[in-house]
C-alpha atoms as a PDB file:
ATOM      1  CA  MET A   1      15.263  -9.437  -1.274  1.00  0.00           C
ATOM      2  CA  TYR A   2      12.010  -8.109  -2.134  1.00  0.00           C
ATOM      3  CA  TYR A   3      10.432  -5.004  -3.203  1.00  0.00           C
ATOM      4  CA  LEU A   4       6.772  -4.131  -1.418  1.00  0.00           C
ATOM      5  CA  ILE A   5       4.586  -2.188  -2.605  1.00  0.00           C
ATOM      6  CA  ILE A   6       0.943  -1.373  -0.716  1.00  0.00           C
ATOM      7  CA  HIS A   7      -1.795   0.339  -2.737  1.00  0.00           C
ATOM      8  CA  LEU A   8      -3.747   1.449  -0.091  1.00  0.00           C
ATOM      9  CA  LEU A   9      -7.358   2.351  -1.387  1.00  0.00           C
ATOM     10  CA  LYS A  10      -8.727   3.186   1.716  1.00  0.00           C
ATOM     11  CA  THR A  11      -6.838   6.331   3.028  1.00  0.00           C
ATOM     12  CA  GLU A  12      -8.516   6.325   6.356  1.00  0.00           C
ATOM     13  CA  TYR A  13      -6.382   3.445   7.260  1.00  0.00           C
ATOM     14  CA  ARG A  14      -2.897   5.143   6.394  1.00  0.00           C
ATOM     15  CA  GLU A  15      -1.948   5.273  10.168  1.00  0.00           C
ATOM     16  CA  ASP A  16      -2.771   1.446  10.748  1.00  0.00           C
ATOM     17  CA  VAL A  17      -0.814   0.293   8.050  1.00  0.00           C
ATOM     18  CA  LEU A  18       2.434   2.633   8.997  1.00  0.00           C
ATOM     19  CA  LEU A  19       2.081   1.198  12.614  1.00  0.00           C
ATOM     20  CA  ALA A  20       2.030  -2.028  11.439  1.00  0.00           C
ATOM     21  CA  LEU A  21       4.618  -1.281   9.053  1.00  0.00           C
ATOM     22  CA  THR A  22       6.974   0.105  11.650  1.00  0.00           C
ATOM     23  CA  SER A  23       5.824  -3.086  14.322  1.00  0.00           C
ATOM     24  CA  CYS A  24       7.188  -5.443  11.638  1.00  0.00           C
ATOM     25  CA  GLY A  25      10.253  -4.060  11.144  1.00  0.00           C
ATOM     26  CA  ILE A  26      10.045  -2.030   8.094  1.00  0.00           C
ATOM     27  CA  LYS A  27      11.127   1.698   8.696  1.00  0.00           C
ATOM     28  CA  THR A  28      12.620   2.930   5.420  1.00  0.00           C
ATOM     29  CA  GLY A  29      10.272   3.385   1.964  1.00  0.00           C
ATOM     30  CA  SER A  30       8.648   6.124   0.222  1.00  0.00           C
ATOM     31  CA  VAL A  31       4.698   6.902   0.557  1.00  0.00           C
ATOM     32  CA  VAL A  32       3.124   8.935  -2.414  1.00  0.00           C
ATOM     33  CA  GLU A  33      -0.010  10.177  -2.417  1.00  0.00           C
ATOM     34  CA  GLY A  34      -1.963   9.905  -5.496  1.00  0.00           C
ATOM     35  CA  GLN A  35      -5.413   9.647  -7.272  1.00  0.00           C
ATOM     36  CA  ASN A  36      -7.363   6.863  -8.648  1.00  0.00           C
ATOM     37  CA  LEU A  37      -7.261   6.516 -12.610  1.00  0.00           C
ATOM     38  CA  ASP A  38     -11.221   6.256 -12.674  1.00  0.00           C
ATOM     39  CA  LYS A  39     -11.695   9.271 -10.656  1.00  0.00           C
ATOM     40  CA  VAL A  40      -9.429  11.459 -12.736  1.00  0.00           C
ATOM     41  CA  LEU A  41     -11.084   9.809 -15.646  1.00  0.00           C
ATOM     42  CA  GLU A  42     -14.555  10.908 -14.239  1.00  0.00           C
ATOM     43  CA  GLY A  43     -13.743  14.163 -13.363  1.00  0.00           C
ATOM     44  CA  ASP A  44     -10.975  15.386 -16.008  1.00  0.00           C
ATOM     45  CA  MET A  45     -12.631  13.324 -19.195  1.00  0.00           C
ATOM     46  CA  PRO A  46     -16.555  14.341 -19.436  1.00  0.00           C
ATOM     47  CA  LEU A  47     -16.225  11.519 -22.086  1.00  0.00           C
ATOM     48  CA  PHE A  48     -15.976   8.670 -19.028  1.00  0.00           C
ATOM     49  CA  SER A  49     -18.084  10.383 -16.636  1.00  0.00           C
ATOM     50  CA  GLY A  50     -21.491   8.168 -17.525  1.00  0.00           C
ATOM     51  CA  LEU A  51     -19.345   4.604 -17.521  1.00  0.00           C
ATOM     52  CA  ILE A  52     -17.634   5.308 -14.204  1.00  0.00           C
ATOM     53  CA  LYS A  53     -19.891   5.205 -11.149  1.00  0.00           C
ATOM     54  CA  SER A  54     -19.164   7.630  -8.313  1.00  0.00           C
ATOM     55  CA  GLU A  55     -19.566   6.594  -4.558  1.00  0.00           C
ATOM     56  CA  ASP A  56     -17.603   8.439  -2.592  1.00  0.00           C
ATOM     57  CA  GLU A  57     -15.231  11.763  -3.107  1.00  0.00           C
ATOM     58  CA  LYS A  58     -12.606  10.125  -0.334  1.00  0.00           C
ATOM     59  CA  GLU A  59     -12.320   7.510  -2.980  1.00  0.00           C
ATOM     60  CA  ARG A  60     -10.662   9.886  -5.569  1.00  0.00           C
ATOM     61  CA  TYR A  61      -7.146   9.137  -3.711  1.00  0.00           C
ATOM     62  CA  SER A  62      -5.057   6.731  -2.811  1.00  0.00           C
ATOM     63  CA  THR A  63      -1.191   5.833  -1.124  1.00  0.00           C
ATOM     64  CA  PHE A  64       1.133   3.972  -2.455  1.00  0.00           C
ATOM     65  CA  ILE A  65       3.574   2.744   0.415  1.00  0.00           C
ATOM     66  CA  MET A  66       6.871   1.151  -1.127  1.00  0.00           C
ATOM     67  CA  ALA A  67       9.818  -0.378   0.438  1.00  0.00           C
ATOM     68  CA  VAL A  68      12.570  -2.855  -0.103  1.00  0.00           C
ATOM     69  CA  ILE A  69      12.648  -5.502   2.523  1.00  0.00           C
ATOM     70  CA  SER A  70      14.566  -8.916   3.263  1.00  0.00           C
ATOM     71  CA  SER A  71      11.905 -11.601   3.579  1.00  0.00           C
ATOM     72  CA  LYS A  72       8.349 -12.605   2.420  1.00  0.00           C
ATOM     73  CA  ASP A  73       7.850 -13.510   6.064  1.00  0.00           C
ATOM     74  CA  LYS A  74       7.712  -9.680   6.875  1.00  0.00           C
ATOM     75  CA  VAL A  75       4.997  -9.757   4.674  1.00  0.00           C
ATOM     76  CA  THR A  76       2.960 -12.462   6.561  1.00  0.00           C
ATOM     77  CA  GLU A  77       3.858 -10.605   9.516  1.00  0.00           C
ATOM     78  CA  LEU A  78       2.443  -7.360   8.219  1.00  0.00           C
ATOM     79  CA  VAL A  79      -1.076  -9.250   7.106  1.00  0.00           C
ATOM     80  CA  HIS A  80      -1.027 -10.722  10.831  1.00  0.00           C
ATOM     81  CA  LEU A  81      -0.640  -7.257  12.696  1.00  0.00           C
ATOM     82  CA  LEU A  82      -3.167  -6.023  10.568  1.00  0.00           C
ATOM     83  CA  LYS A  83      -5.806  -8.419  11.271  1.00  0.00           C
ATOM     84  CA  GLU A  84      -5.272  -7.709  14.510  1.00  0.00           C
ATOM     85  CA  ALA A  85      -6.037  -4.398  14.088  1.00  0.00           C
ATOM     86  CA  ASP A  86      -9.287  -5.276  12.756  1.00  0.00           C
ATOM     87  CA  ILE A  87      -8.163  -5.078   9.305  1.00  0.00           C
ATOM     88  CA  ASP A  88      -8.913  -7.961   7.108  1.00  0.00           C
ATOM     89  CA  VAL A  89      -6.785  -7.547   3.863  1.00  0.00           C
ATOM     90  CA  MET A  90      -8.185 -10.900   2.494  1.00  0.00           C
ATOM     91  CA  LYS A  91     -11.935 -10.216   2.886  1.00  0.00           C
ATOM     92  CA  GLN A  92     -12.239  -6.008   2.230  1.00  0.00           C
ATOM     93  CA  GLU A  93     -11.421  -3.477  -0.511  1.00  0.00           C
ATOM     94  CA  ILE A  94      -8.806  -1.608   1.810  1.00  0.00           C
ATOM     95  CA  LEU A  95      -5.229  -2.438   0.440  1.00  0.00           C
ATOM     96  CA  ARG A  96      -3.460  -4.277  -2.229  1.00  0.00           C
ATOM     97  CA  LEU A  97       0.029  -5.849  -1.453  1.00  0.00           C
ATOM     98  CA  ILE A  98       2.283  -6.480  -4.458  1.00  0.00           C
ATOM     99  CA  LEU A  99       5.430  -8.304  -3.871  1.00  0.00           C
ATOM    100  CA  LEU A 100       7.979  -8.435  -6.474  1.00  0.00           C
ATOM    101  CA  PRO A 101      11.430 -10.688  -6.393  1.00  0.00           C
ATOM    102  CA  VAL A 102      14.434  -7.964  -6.632  1.00  0.00           C
ATOM    103  CA  GLU A 103      17.839  -9.287  -7.880  1.00  0.00           C
ATOM    104  CA  MET A 104      19.800  -6.359  -7.047  1.00  0.00           C
ATOM    105  CA  VAL A 105      19.431  -3.023  -5.108  1.00  0.00           C
ATOM    106  CA  VAL A 106      22.390  -0.744  -5.374  1.00  0.00           C
ATOM    107  CA  GLY A 107      22.996   1.823  -2.406  1.00  0.00           C
ATOM    108  CA  TYR A 108      20.182  -0.699  -0.131  1.00  0.00           C
ATOM    109  CA  ASN A 109      21.593  -1.601   3.089  1.00  0.00           C
ATOM    110  CA  ASP A 110      19.867  -4.229   5.120  1.00  0.00           C
ATOM    111  CA  LYS A 111      20.406  -2.838   8.763  1.00  0.00           C
ATOM    112  CA  GLN A 112      17.811  -0.517   7.733  1.00  0.00           C
ATOM    113  CA  GLU A 113      15.245  -3.223   8.445  1.00  0.00           C
ATOM    114  CA  SER A 114      15.036  -4.577  11.738  1.00  0.00           C
ATOM    115  CA  LYS A 115      14.955  -7.928  12.342  1.00  0.00           C
END
């Protein structure tokens, strides 16, 4: 069992990523909207404004998608589906995929994930 974290840096790809997740059977999880730390520091703490370059206001926000998955193969399938949608996660600064091993989850039913 694994805990998948997707840090979506370019939020305009949100729909594509969610579609790819559901296409590979990952239909439960959480989506959290947030602000990137460097943009918060730049805006809220003037001390940092000269140290951090600001390119675009859209880059201020990011999305985290988290889900418990049963197999590493789901991530391989997800990357393949994203490539088919012309989103090359290996070359572009669109998202980061983080996969953590999980020993136990109380309340998780692997039937929630389509195989």
